[in-house]
Amino acid sequence: QFQPEFELDEAVKFAESLDMPLTVLSYDILAHEEIARNSPERC
């Protein structure tokens, strides 16, 4: 949920332009309570 869709689109296009293999992993980052509560240690 932290990455906008355009970042994914541009990443896919760049990898394709180099003919490099790319795996896209979807992940629910907000399922982590310590991340969702947004403390200074979030990163």
PDB file of all heavy atoms in Angstrom:
ATOM      1  N   GLN A   1       0.824  -1.215   0.000  1.00  0.00           N
ATOM      2  CA  GLN A   1       0.000   0.000   0.000  1.00  0.00           C
ATOM      3  C   GLN A   1       0.859   1.267   0.000  1.00  0.00           C
ATOM      4  O   GLN A   1       0.349   2.367  -0.176  1.00  0.00           O
ATOM      5  CB  GLN A   1      -0.929   0.009   1.219  1.00  0.00           C
ATOM      6  CG  GLN A   1      -1.947  -1.118   1.246  1.00  0.00           C
ATOM      7  CD  GLN A   1      -1.456  -2.325   2.022  1.00  0.00           C
ATOM      8  OE1 GLN A   1      -0.265  -2.613   2.071  1.00  0.00           O
ATOM      9  NE2 GLN A   1      -2.384  -3.045   2.640  1.00  0.00           N
ATOM     10  N   PHE A   2       2.164   1.097   0.198  1.00  0.00           N
ATOM     11  CA  PHE A   2       3.058   2.255   0.262  1.00  0.00           C
ATOM     12  C   PHE A   2       3.568   2.698  -1.103  1.00  0.00           C
ATOM     13  O   PHE A   2       4.130   3.778  -1.233  1.00  0.00           O
ATOM     14  CB  PHE A   2       4.275   1.947   1.151  1.00  0.00           C
ATOM     15  CG  PHE A   2       3.951   1.818   2.619  1.00  0.00           C
ATOM     16  CD1 PHE A   2       4.931   1.413   3.516  1.00  0.00           C
ATOM     17  CD2 PHE A   2       2.684   2.090   3.108  1.00  0.00           C
ATOM     18  CE1 PHE A   2       4.656   1.298   4.865  1.00  0.00           C
ATOM     19  CE2 PHE A   2       2.397   1.968   4.460  1.00  0.00           C
ATOM     20  CZ  PHE A   2       3.385   1.569   5.343  1.00  0.00           C
ATOM     21  N   GLN A   3       3.415   1.844  -2.122  1.00  0.00           N
ATOM     22  CA  GLN A   3       3.911   2.184  -3.458  1.00  0.00           C
ATOM     23  C   GLN A   3       2.743   2.551  -4.376  1.00  0.00           C
ATOM     24  O   GLN A   3       1.808   1.755  -4.529  1.00  0.00           O
ATOM     25  CB  GLN A   3       4.668   1.009  -4.092  1.00  0.00           C
ATOM     26  CG  GLN A   3       6.050   0.785  -3.533  1.00  0.00           C
ATOM     27  CD  GLN A   3       6.018   0.129  -2.170  1.00  0.00           C
ATOM     28  OE1 GLN A   3       5.232  -0.786  -1.944  1.00  0.00           O
ATOM     29  NE2 GLN A   3       6.836   0.621  -1.263  1.00  0.00           N
ATOM     30  N   PRO A   4       2.783   3.732  -4.992  1.00  0.00           N
ATOM     31  CA  PRO A   4       1.735   4.073  -5.966  1.00  0.00           C
ATOM     32  C   PRO A   4       1.830   3.187  -7.195  1.00  0.00           C
ATOM     33  O   PRO A   4       2.891   2.630  -7.502  1.00  0.00           O
ATOM     34  CB  PRO A   4       2.024   5.537  -6.301  1.00  0.00           C
ATOM     35  CG  PRO A   4       3.482   5.703  -6.024  1.00  0.00           C
ATOM     36  CD  PRO A   4       3.799   4.794  -4.869  1.00  0.00           C
ATOM     37  N   GLU A   5       0.729   3.069  -7.899  1.00  0.00           N
ATOM     38  CA  GLU A   5       0.676   2.172  -9.053  1.00  0.00           C
ATOM     39  C   GLU A   5       1.673   2.573 -10.137  1.00  0.00           C
ATOM     40  O   GLU A   5       2.238   1.706 -10.812  1.00  0.00           O
ATOM     41  CB  GLU A   5      -0.749   2.162  -9.621  1.00  0.00           C
ATOM     42  CG  GLU A   5      -1.048   0.989 -10.530  1.00  0.00           C
ATOM     43  CD  GLU A   5      -1.022  -0.353  -9.808  1.00  0.00           C
ATOM     44  OE1 GLU A   5      -1.356  -0.384  -8.601  1.00  0.00           O
ATOM     45  OE2 GLU A   5      -0.646  -1.357 -10.450  1.00  0.00           O
ATOM     46  N   PHE A   6       1.919   3.871 -10.291  1.00  0.00           N
ATOM     47  CA  PHE A   6       2.806   4.286 -11.380  1.00  0.00           C
ATOM     48  C   PHE A   6       4.237   3.795 -11.155  1.00  0.00           C
ATOM     49  O   PHE A   6       4.981   3.560 -12.108  1.00  0.00           O
ATOM     50  CB  PHE A   6       2.780   5.808 -11.576  1.00  0.00           C
ATOM     51  CG  PHE A   6       3.668   6.595 -10.641  1.00  0.00           C
ATOM     52  CD1 PHE A   6       5.008   6.787 -10.931  1.00  0.00           C
ATOM     53  CD2 PHE A   6       3.161   7.146  -9.481  1.00  0.00           C
ATOM     54  CE1 PHE A   6       5.830   7.515 -10.078  1.00  0.00           C
ATOM     55  CE2 PHE A   6       3.965   7.868  -8.617  1.00  0.00           C
ATOM     56  CZ  PHE A   6       5.309   8.057  -8.921  1.00  0.00           C
ATOM     57  N   GLU A   7       4.631   3.631  -9.875  1.00  0.00           N
ATOM     58  CA  GLU A   7       5.971   3.136  -9.601  1.00  0.00           C
ATOM     59  C   GLU A   7       6.125   1.698 -10.106  1.00  0.00           C
ATOM     60  O   GLU A   7       7.158   1.329 -10.664  1.00  0.00           O
ATOM     61  CB  GLU A   7       6.255   3.202  -8.100  1.00  0.00           C
ATOM     62  CG  GLU A   7       6.535   4.592  -7.562  1.00  0.00           C
ATOM     63  CD  GLU A   7       7.967   5.026  -7.778  1.00  0.00           C
ATOM     64  OE1 GLU A   7       8.297   5.427  -8.917  1.00  0.00           O
ATOM     65  OE2 GLU A   7       8.749   4.976  -6.826  1.00  0.00           O
ATOM     66  N   LEU A   8       5.098   0.894  -9.897  1.00  0.00           N
ATOM     67  CA  LEU A   8       5.115  -0.471 -10.411  1.00  0.00           C
ATOM     68  C   LEU A   8       5.159  -0.475 -11.936  1.00  0.00           C
ATOM     69  O   LEU A   8       5.949  -1.205 -12.548  1.00  0.00           O
ATOM     70  CB  LEU A   8       3.898  -1.245  -9.909  1.00  0.00           C
ATOM     71  CG  LEU A   8       3.687  -2.643 -10.517  1.00  0.00           C
ATOM     72  CD1 LEU A   8       4.898  -3.526 -10.283  1.00  0.00           C
ATOM     73  CD2 LEU A   8       2.422  -3.282  -9.940  1.00  0.00           C
ATOM     74  N   ASP A   9       4.321   0.346 -12.559  1.00  0.00           N
ATOM     75  CA  ASP A   9       4.281   0.404 -14.023  1.00  0.00           C
ATOM     76  C   ASP A   9       5.650   0.773 -14.597  1.00  0.00           C
ATOM     77  O   ASP A   9       6.123   0.163 -15.573  1.00  0.00           O
ATOM     78  CB  ASP A   9       3.241   1.420 -14.487  1.00  0.00           C
ATOM     79  CG  ASP A   9       1.820   0.995 -14.156  1.00  0.00           C
ATOM     80  OD1 ASP A   9       1.608  -0.207 -13.884  1.00  0.00           O
ATOM     81  OD2 ASP A   9       0.921   1.861 -14.147  1.00  0.00           O
ATOM     82  N   GLU A  10       6.289   1.779 -13.994  1.00  0.00           N
ATOM     83  CA  GLU A  10       7.588   2.224 -14.498  1.00  0.00           C
ATOM     84  C   GLU A  10       8.672   1.178 -14.248  1.00  0.00           C
ATOM     85  O   GLU A  10       9.577   1.001 -15.072  1.00  0.00           O
ATOM     86  CB  GLU A  10       7.964   3.566 -13.858  1.00  0.00           C
ATOM     87  CG  GLU A  10       7.070   4.713 -14.319  1.00  0.00           C
ATOM     88  CD  GLU A  10       7.478   6.057 -13.742  1.00  0.00           C
ATOM     89  OE1 GLU A  10       8.461   6.103 -12.958  1.00  0.00           O
ATOM     90  OE2 GLU A  10       6.819   7.062 -14.063  1.00  0.00           O
ATOM     91  N   ALA A  11       8.588   0.479 -13.117  1.00  0.00           N
ATOM     92  CA  ALA A  11       9.562  -0.576 -12.820  1.00  0.00           C
ATOM     93  C   ALA A  11       9.462  -1.697 -13.841  1.00  0.00           C
ATOM     94  O   ALA A  11      10.483  -2.203 -14.339  1.00  0.00           O
ATOM     95  CB  ALA A  11       9.341  -1.113 -11.407  1.00  0.00           C
ATOM     96  N   VAL A  12       8.235  -2.095 -14.166  1.00  0.00           N
ATOM     97  CA  VAL A  12       8.021  -3.163 -15.154  1.00  0.00           C
ATOM     98  C   VAL A  12       8.585  -2.747 -16.511  1.00  0.00           C
ATOM     99  O   VAL A  12       9.292  -3.522 -17.177  1.00  0.00           O
ATOM    100  CB  VAL A  12       6.525  -3.506 -15.265  1.00  0.00           C
ATOM    101  CG1 VAL A  12       6.265  -4.424 -16.458  1.00  0.00           C
ATOM    102  CG2 VAL A  12       6.029  -4.163 -13.975  1.00  0.00           C
ATOM    103  N   LYS A  13       8.306  -1.513 -16.918  1.00  0.00           N
ATOM    104  CA  LYS A  13       8.788  -1.040 -18.226  1.00  0.00           C
ATOM    105  C   LYS A  13      10.307  -0.987 -18.281  1.00  0.00           C
ATOM    106  O   LYS A  13      10.920  -1.340 -19.298  1.00  0.00           O
ATOM    107  CB  LYS A  13       8.197   0.339 -18.522  1.00  0.00           C
ATOM    108  CG  LYS A  13       6.710   0.318 -18.835  1.00  0.00           C
ATOM    109  CD  LYS A  13       6.168   1.729 -19.032  1.00  0.00           C
ATOM    110  CE  LYS A  13       4.667   1.703 -19.261  1.00  0.00           C
ATOM    111  NZ  LYS A  13       4.103   3.076 -19.372  1.00  0.00           N
ATOM    112  N   PHE A  14      10.928  -0.552 -17.180  1.00  0.00           N
ATOM    113  CA  PHE A  14      12.388  -0.449 -17.191  1.00  0.00           C
ATOM    114  C   PHE A  14      13.026  -1.830 -17.258  1.00  0.00           C
ATOM    115  O   PHE A  14      13.968  -2.054 -18.022  1.00  0.00           O
ATOM    116  CB  PHE A  14      12.888   0.308 -15.959  1.00  0.00           C
ATOM    117  CG  PHE A  14      14.368   0.593 -15.990  1.00  0.00           C
ATOM    118  CD1 PHE A  14      14.862   1.644 -16.737  1.00  0.00           C
ATOM    119  CD2 PHE A  14      15.265  -0.212 -15.296  1.00  0.00           C
ATOM    120  CE1 PHE A  14      16.233   1.898 -16.797  1.00  0.00           C
ATOM    121  CE2 PHE A  14      16.630   0.030 -15.349  1.00  0.00           C
ATOM    122  CZ  PHE A  14      17.117   1.087 -16.094  1.00  0.00           C
ATOM    123  N   ALA A  15      12.522  -2.765 -16.460  1.00  0.00           N
ATOM    124  CA  ALA A  15      13.064  -4.129 -16.493  1.00  0.00           C
ATOM    125  C   ALA A  15      12.902  -4.733 -17.885  1.00  0.00           C
ATOM    126  O   ALA A  15      13.814  -5.391 -18.405  1.00  0.00           O
ATOM    127  CB  ALA A  15      12.383  -4.992 -15.434  1.00  0.00           C
ATOM    128  N   GLU A  16      11.749  -4.496 -18.495  1.00  0.00           N
ATOM    129  CA  GLU A  16      11.516  -5.007 -19.848  1.00  0.00           C
ATOM    130  C   GLU A  16      12.478  -4.382 -20.851  1.00  0.00           C
ATOM    131  O   GLU A  16      12.950  -5.060 -21.775  1.00  0.00           O
ATOM    132  CB  GLU A  16      10.069  -4.735 -20.263  1.00  0.00           C
ATOM    133  CG  GLU A  16       9.047  -5.619 -19.552  1.00  0.00           C
ATOM    134  CD  GLU A  16       7.620  -5.296 -19.949  1.00  0.00           C
ATOM    135  OE1 GLU A  16       7.409  -4.217 -20.556  1.00  0.00           O
ATOM    136  OE2 GLU A  16       6.723  -6.104 -19.644  1.00  0.00           O
ATOM    137  N   SER A  17      12.774  -3.090 -20.675  1.00  0.00           N
ATOM    138  CA  SER A  17      13.678  -2.411 -21.609  1.00  0.00           C
ATOM    139  C   SER A  17      15.084  -2.996 -21.557  1.00  0.00           C
ATOM    140  O   SER A  17      15.831  -2.931 -22.540  1.00  0.00           O
ATOM    141  CB  SER A  17      13.731  -0.906 -21.310  1.00  0.00           C
ATOM    142  OG  SER A  17      14.483  -0.637 -20.131  1.00  0.00           O
ATOM    143  N   LEU A  18      15.465  -3.556 -20.414  1.00  0.00           N
ATOM    144  CA  LEU A  18      16.775  -4.193 -20.264  1.00  0.00           C
ATOM    145  C   LEU A  18      16.723  -5.690 -20.554  1.00  0.00           C
ATOM    146  O   LEU A  18      17.760  -6.350 -20.541  1.00  0.00           O
ATOM    147  CB  LEU A  18      17.303  -3.982 -18.837  1.00  0.00           C
ATOM    148  CG  LEU A  18      17.616  -2.556 -18.386  1.00  0.00           C
ATOM    149  CD1 LEU A  18      18.115  -2.567 -16.943  1.00  0.00           C
ATOM    150  CD2 LEU A  18      18.632  -1.886 -19.293  1.00  0.00           C
ATOM    151  N   ASP A  19      15.506  -6.188 -20.757  1.00  0.00           N
ATOM    152  CA  ASP A  19      15.302  -7.627 -20.920  1.00  0.00           C
ATOM    153  C   ASP A  19      15.811  -8.387 -19.699  1.00  0.00           C
ATOM    154  O   ASP A  19      16.461  -9.432 -19.803  1.00  0.00           O
ATOM    155  CB  ASP A  19      16.003  -8.133 -22.189  1.00  0.00           C
ATOM    156  CG  ASP A  19      15.530  -9.545 -22.583  1.00  0.00           C
ATOM    157  OD1 ASP A  19      14.390  -9.897 -22.228  1.00  0.00           O
ATOM    158  OD2 ASP A  19      16.306 -10.272 -23.219  1.00  0.00           O
ATOM    159  N   MET A  20      15.487  -7.834 -18.519  1.00  0.00           N
ATOM    160  CA  MET A  20      15.857  -8.473 -17.258  1.00  0.00           C
ATOM    161  C   MET A  20      14.608  -9.062 -16.611  1.00  0.00           C
ATOM    162  O   MET A  20      13.544  -8.419 -16.598  1.00  0.00           O
ATOM    163  CB  MET A  20      16.501  -7.463 -16.308  1.00  0.00           C
ATOM    164  CG  MET A  20      17.863  -6.981 -16.770  1.00  0.00           C
ATOM    165  SD  MET A  20      19.123  -8.282 -16.720  1.00  0.00           S
ATOM    166  CE  MET A  20      19.540  -8.285 -14.974  1.00  0.00           C
ATOM    167  N   PRO A  21      14.688 -10.259 -16.053  1.00  0.00           N
ATOM    168  CA  PRO A  21      13.520 -10.880 -15.420  1.00  0.00           C
ATOM    169  C   PRO A  21      13.106 -10.132 -14.164  1.00  0.00           C
ATOM    170  O   PRO A  21      13.953  -9.648 -13.402  1.00  0.00           O
ATOM    171  CB  PRO A  21      13.992 -12.300 -15.097  1.00  0.00           C
ATOM    172  CG  PRO A  21      15.482 -12.193 -15.006  1.00  0.00           C
ATOM    173  CD  PRO A  21      15.884 -11.139 -15.994  1.00  0.00           C
ATOM    174  N   LEU A  22      11.803 -10.031 -13.956  1.00  0.00           N
ATOM    175  CA  LEU A  22      11.253  -9.301 -12.810  1.00  0.00           C
ATOM    176  C   LEU A  22      10.139 -10.105 -12.160  1.00  0.00           C
ATOM    177  O   LEU A  22       9.238 -10.593 -12.848  1.00  0.00           O
ATOM    178  CB  LEU A  22      10.710  -7.935 -13.270  1.00  0.00           C
ATOM    179  CG  LEU A  22       9.880  -7.139 -12.258  1.00  0.00           C
ATOM    180  CD1 LEU A  22      10.743  -6.702 -11.076  1.00  0.00           C
ATOM    181  CD2 LEU A  22       9.239  -5.930 -12.930  1.00  0.00           C
ATOM    182  N   THR A  23      10.210 -10.222 -10.852  1.00  0.00           N
ATOM    183  CA  THR A  23       9.135 -10.837 -10.079  1.00  0.00           C
ATOM    184  C   THR A  23       8.463  -9.749  -9.250  1.00  0.00           C
ATOM    185  O   THR A  23       9.143  -8.999  -8.541  1.00  0.00           O
ATOM    186  CB  THR A  23       9.682 -11.931  -9.136  1.00  0.00           C
ATOM    187  OG1 THR A  23      10.216 -12.993  -9.917  1.00  0.00           O
ATOM    188  CG2 THR A  23       8.578 -12.478  -8.236  1.00  0.00           C
ATOM    189  N   VAL A  24       7.140  -9.653  -9.348  1.00  0.00           N
ATOM    190  CA  VAL A  24       6.370  -8.691  -8.549  1.00  0.00           C
ATOM    191  C   VAL A  24       5.701  -9.462  -7.411  1.00  0.00           C
ATOM    192  O   VAL A  24       4.962 -10.415  -7.637  1.00  0.00           O
ATOM    193  CB  VAL A  24       5.318  -7.965  -9.405  1.00  0.00           C
ATOM    194  CG1 VAL A  24       4.488  -7.016  -8.543  1.00  0.00           C
ATOM    195  CG2 VAL A  24       6.005  -7.199 -10.539  1.00  0.00           C
ATOM    196  N   LEU A  25       5.971  -9.029  -6.190  1.00  0.00           N
ATOM    197  CA  LEU A  25       5.422  -9.661  -4.996  1.00  0.00           C
ATOM    198  C   LEU A  25       4.424  -8.710  -4.351  1.00  0.00           C
ATOM    199  O   LEU A  25       4.795  -7.604  -3.952  1.00  0.00           O
ATOM    200  CB  LEU A  25       6.549  -9.990  -4.006  1.00  0.00           C
ATOM    201  CG  LEU A  25       7.684 -10.873  -4.548  1.00  0.00           C
ATOM    202  CD1 LEU A  25       8.867 -10.848  -3.580  1.00  0.00           C
ATOM    203  CD2 LEU A  25       7.193 -12.296  -4.758  1.00  0.00           C
ATOM    204  N   SER A  26       3.166  -9.094  -4.239  1.00  0.00           N
ATOM    205  CA  SER A  26       2.154  -8.277  -3.578  1.00  0.00           C
ATOM    206  C   SER A  26       2.160  -8.601  -2.083  1.00  0.00           C
ATOM    207  O   SER A  26       2.233  -9.776  -1.697  1.00  0.00           O
ATOM    208  CB  SER A  26       0.770  -8.547  -4.170  1.00  0.00           C
ATOM    209  OG  SER A  26       0.737  -8.154  -5.521  1.00  0.00           O
ATOM    210  N   TYR A  27       2.070  -7.569  -1.262  1.00  0.00           N
ATOM    211  CA  TYR A  27       2.227  -7.784   0.182  1.00  0.00           C
ATOM    212  C   TYR A  27       1.386  -6.781   0.964  1.00  0.00           C
ATOM    213  O   TYR A  27       1.410  -5.573   0.679  1.00  0.00           O
ATOM    214  CB  TYR A  27       3.701  -7.635   0.553  1.00  0.00           C
ATOM    215  CG  TYR A  27       4.060  -8.083   1.937  1.00  0.00           C
ATOM    216  CD1 TYR A  27       3.854  -9.393   2.349  1.00  0.00           C
ATOM    217  CD2 TYR A  27       4.616  -7.190   2.845  1.00  0.00           C
ATOM    218  CE1 TYR A  27       4.203  -9.806   3.623  1.00  0.00           C
ATOM    219  CE2 TYR A  27       4.976  -7.589   4.121  1.00  0.00           C
ATOM    220  CZ  TYR A  27       4.765  -8.909   4.507  1.00  0.00           C
ATOM    221  OH  TYR A  27       5.092  -9.318   5.765  1.00  0.00           O
ATOM    222  N   ASP A  28       0.658  -7.258   1.964  1.00  0.00           N
ATOM    223  CA  ASP A  28      -0.157  -6.398   2.820  1.00  0.00           C
ATOM    224  C   ASP A  28       0.704  -5.888   3.971  1.00  0.00           C
ATOM    225  O   ASP A  28       0.762  -6.480   5.041  1.00  0.00           O
ATOM    226  CB  ASP A  28      -1.359  -7.180   3.350  1.00  0.00           C
ATOM    227  CG  ASP A  28      -2.266  -6.320   4.233  1.00  0.00           C
ATOM    228  OD1 ASP A  28      -2.043  -5.085   4.298  1.00  0.00           O
ATOM    229  OD2 ASP A  28      -3.186  -6.888   4.867  1.00  0.00           O
ATOM    230  N   ILE A  29       1.377  -4.774   3.748  1.00  0.00           N
ATOM    231  CA  ILE A  29       2.296  -4.232   4.744  1.00  0.00           C
ATOM    232  C   ILE A  29       1.557  -3.722   5.980  1.00  0.00           C
ATOM    233  O   ILE A  29       2.100  -3.707   7.085  1.00  0.00           O
ATOM    234  CB  ILE A  29       3.169  -3.118   4.124  1.00  0.00           C
ATOM    235  CG1 ILE A  29       4.442  -2.890   4.952  1.00  0.00           C
ATOM    236  CG2 ILE A  29       2.390  -1.828   3.941  1.00  0.00           C
ATOM    237  CD1 ILE A  29       5.456  -3.990   4.847  1.00  0.00           C
ATOM    238  N   LEU A  30       0.291  -3.324   5.819  1.00  0.00           N
ATOM    239  CA  LEU A  30      -0.471  -2.788   6.946  1.00  0.00           C
ATOM    240  C   LEU A  30      -0.949  -3.880   7.894  1.00  0.00           C
ATOM    241  O   LEU A  30      -1.491  -3.589   8.959  1.00  0.00           O
ATOM    242  CB  LEU A  30      -1.661  -1.976   6.444  1.00  0.00           C
ATOM    243  CG  LEU A  30      -1.300  -0.714   5.657  1.00  0.00           C
ATOM    244  CD1 LEU A  30      -2.567  -0.004   5.176  1.00  0.00           C
ATOM    245  CD2 LEU A  30      -0.444   0.237   6.487  1.00  0.00           C
ATOM    246  N   ALA A  31      -0.727  -5.139   7.514  1.00  0.00           N
ATOM    247  CA  ALA A  31      -1.058  -6.236   8.426  1.00  0.00           C
ATOM    248  C   ALA A  31      -0.110  -6.268   9.615  1.00  0.00           C
ATOM    249  O   ALA A  31      -0.410  -6.891  10.637  1.00  0.00           O
ATOM    250  CB  ALA A  31      -1.007  -7.569   7.683  1.00  0.00           C
ATOM    251  N   HIS A  32       1.020  -5.581   9.497  1.00  0.00           N
ATOM    252  CA  HIS A  32       1.965  -5.482  10.609  1.00  0.00           C
ATOM    253  C   HIS A  32       1.539  -4.320  11.510  1.00  0.00           C
ATOM    254  O   HIS A  32       1.603  -3.154  11.114  1.00  0.00           O
ATOM    255  CB  HIS A  32       3.382  -5.218  10.088  1.00  0.00           C
ATOM    256  CG  HIS A  32       3.970  -6.383   9.346  1.00  0.00           C
ATOM    257  ND1 HIS A  32       4.818  -7.286   9.933  1.00  0.00           N
ATOM    258  CD2 HIS A  32       3.823  -6.790   8.062  1.00  0.00           C
ATOM    259  CE1 HIS A  32       5.174  -8.201   9.047  1.00  0.00           C
ATOM    260  NE2 HIS A  32       4.587  -7.923   7.902  1.00  0.00           N
ATOM    261  N   GLU A  33       1.125  -4.626  12.716  1.00  0.00           N
ATOM    262  CA  GLU A  33       0.625  -3.586  13.623  1.00  0.00           C
ATOM    263  C   GLU A  33       1.671  -2.515  13.891  1.00  0.00           C
ATOM    264  O   GLU A  33       1.356  -1.320  13.940  1.00  0.00           O
ATOM    265  CB  GLU A  33       0.184  -4.230  14.951  1.00  0.00           C
ATOM    266  CG  GLU A  33      -0.401  -3.229  15.933  1.00  0.00           C
ATOM    267  CD  GLU A  33      -0.824  -3.883  17.248  1.00  0.00           C
ATOM    268  OE1 GLU A  33      -0.849  -5.122  17.310  1.00  0.00           O
ATOM    269  OE2 GLU A  33      -1.105  -3.135  18.192  1.00  0.00           O
ATOM    270  N   GLU A  34       2.946  -2.935  14.018  1.00  0.00           N
ATOM    271  CA  GLU A  34       3.994  -1.965  14.346  1.00  0.00           C
ATOM    272  C   GLU A  34       4.235  -1.008  13.177  1.00  0.00           C
ATOM    273  O   GLU A  34       4.779   0.079  13.358  1.00  0.00           O
ATOM    274  CB  GLU A  34       5.290  -2.678  14.733  1.00  0.00           C
ATOM    275  CG  GLU A  34       5.921  -3.514  13.639  1.00  0.00           C
ATOM    276  CD  GLU A  34       5.397  -4.943  13.620  1.00  0.00           C
ATOM    277  OE1 GLU A  34       4.318  -5.200  14.184  1.00  0.00           O
ATOM    278  OE2 GLU A  34       6.071  -5.806  13.028  1.00  0.00           O
ATOM    279  N   ILE A  35       3.856  -1.420  11.961  1.00  0.00           N
ATOM    280  CA  ILE A  35       3.978  -0.527  10.804  1.00  0.00           C
ATOM    281  C   ILE A  35       2.740   0.358  10.679  1.00  0.00           C
ATOM    282  O   ILE A  35       2.848   1.570  10.473  1.00  0.00           O
ATOM    283  CB  ILE A  35       4.194  -1.351   9.517  1.00  0.00           C
ATOM    284  CG1 ILE A  35       5.524  -2.105   9.594  1.00  0.00           C
ATOM    285  CG2 ILE A  35       4.150  -0.455   8.274  1.00  0.00           C
ATOM    286  CD1 ILE A  35       5.774  -3.066   8.450  1.00  0.00           C
ATOM    287  N   ALA A  36       1.568  -0.234  10.837  1.00  0.00           N
ATOM    288  CA  ALA A  36       0.319   0.517  10.689  1.00  0.00           C
ATOM    289  C   ALA A  36       0.187   1.624  11.723  1.00  0.00           C
ATOM    290  O   ALA A  36      -0.407   2.670  11.448  1.00  0.00           O
ATOM    291  CB  ALA A  36      -0.875  -0.433  10.783  1.00  0.00           C
ATOM    292  N   ARG A  37       0.749   1.423  12.908  1.00  0.00           N
ATOM    293  CA  ARG A  37       0.619   2.480  13.925  1.00  0.00           C
ATOM    294  C   ARG A  37       1.591   3.632  13.683  1.00  0.00           C
ATOM    295  O   ARG A  37       1.529   4.663  14.343  1.00  0.00           O
ATOM    296  CB  ARG A  37       0.763   1.900  15.316  1.00  0.00           C
ATOM    297  CG  ARG A  37       2.138   1.411  15.704  1.00  0.00           C
ATOM    298  CD  ARG A  37       2.165   1.109  17.199  1.00  0.00           C
ATOM    299  NE  ARG A  37       3.454   0.558  17.595  1.00  0.00           N
ATOM    300  CZ  ARG A  37       3.650  -0.695  17.967  1.00  0.00           C
ATOM    301  NH1 ARG A  37       2.641  -1.541  17.993  1.00  0.00           N
ATOM    302  NH2 ARG A  37       4.859  -1.108  18.312  1.00  0.00           N
ATOM    303  N   ASN A  38       2.542   3.445  12.741  1.00  0.00           N
ATOM    304  CA  ASN A  38       3.356   4.543  12.224  1.00  0.00           C
ATOM    305  C   ASN A  38       4.250   5.189  13.288  1.00  0.00           C
ATOM    306  O   ASN A  38       4.267   6.405  13.452  1.00  0.00           O
ATOM    307  CB  ASN A  38       2.447   5.599  11.579  1.00  0.00           C
ATOM    308  CG  ASN A  38       3.214   6.526  10.645  1.00  0.00           C
ATOM    309  OD1 ASN A  38       4.290   6.196  10.166  1.00  0.00           O
ATOM    310  ND2 ASN A  38       2.647   7.702  10.386  1.00  0.00           N
ATOM    311  N   SER A  39       5.013   4.367  13.956  1.00  0.00           N
ATOM    312  CA  SER A  39       5.980   4.883  14.930  1.00  0.00           C
ATOM    313  C   SER A  39       7.231   5.346  14.198  1.00  0.00           C
ATOM    314  O   SER A  39       7.409   5.063  13.001  1.00  0.00           O
ATOM    315  CB  SER A  39       6.347   3.781  15.925  1.00  0.00           C
ATOM    316  OG  SER A  39       7.223   2.844  15.318  1.00  0.00           O
ATOM    317  N   PRO A  40       8.136   6.059  14.876  1.00  0.00           N
ATOM    318  CA  PRO A  40       9.387   6.475  14.230  1.00  0.00           C
ATOM    319  C   PRO A  40      10.236   5.306  13.733  1.00  0.00           C
ATOM    320  O   PRO A  40      11.140   5.503  12.920  1.00  0.00           O
ATOM    321  CB  PRO A  40      10.105   7.253  15.343  1.00  0.00           C
ATOM    322  CG  PRO A  40       9.001   7.784  16.192  1.00  0.00           C
ATOM    323  CD  PRO A  40       7.963   6.691  16.200  1.00  0.00           C
ATOM    324  N   GLU A  41       9.953   4.088  14.204  1.00  0.00           N
ATOM    325  CA  GLU A  41      10.682   2.902  13.748  1.00  0.00           C
ATOM    326  C   GLU A  41       9.985   2.201  12.576  1.00  0.00           C
ATOM    327  O   GLU A  41      10.374   1.083  12.205  1.00  0.00           O
ATOM    328  CB  GLU A  41      10.837   1.918  14.909  1.00  0.00           C
ATOM    329  CG  GLU A  41      11.748   2.409  16.012  1.00  0.00           C
ATOM    330  CD  GLU A  41      13.177   2.626  15.518  1.00  0.00           C
ATOM    331  OE1 GLU A  41      13.748   1.685  14.943  1.00  0.00           O
ATOM    332  OE2 GLU A  41      13.700   3.738  15.696  1.00  0.00           O
ATOM    333  N   ARG A  42       8.976   2.839  12.002  1.00  0.00           N
ATOM    334  CA  ARG A  42       8.215   2.233  10.905  1.00  0.00           C
ATOM    335  C   ARG A  42       9.128   1.736   9.778  1.00  0.00           C
ATOM    336  O   ARG A  42       8.962   0.625   9.276  1.00  0.00           O
ATOM    337  CB  ARG A  42       7.220   3.245  10.344  1.00  0.00           C
ATOM    338  CG  ARG A  42       6.369   2.699   9.196  1.00  0.00           C
ATOM    339  CD  ARG A  42       5.791   3.826   8.360  1.00  0.00           C
ATOM    340  NE  ARG A  42       6.816   4.532   7.616  1.00  0.00           N
ATOM    341  CZ  ARG A  42       6.967   5.849   7.618  1.00  0.00           C
ATOM    342  NH1 ARG A  42       6.154   6.621   8.316  1.00  0.00           N
ATOM    343  NH2 ARG A  42       7.947   6.420   6.916  1.00  0.00           N
ATOM    344  N   CYS A  43      10.090   2.550   9.372  1.00  0.00           N
ATOM    345  CA  CYS A  43      10.950   2.183   8.247  1.00  0.00           C
ATOM    346  C   CYS A  43      11.755   0.917   8.553  1.00  0.00           C
ATOM    347  O   CYS A  43      12.010   0.112   7.647  1.00  0.00           O
ATOM    348  CB  CYS A  43      11.895   3.326   7.896  1.00  0.00           C
ATOM    349  SG  CYS A  43      11.082   4.698   7.058  1.00  0.00           S
TER     350      CYS A  43
END
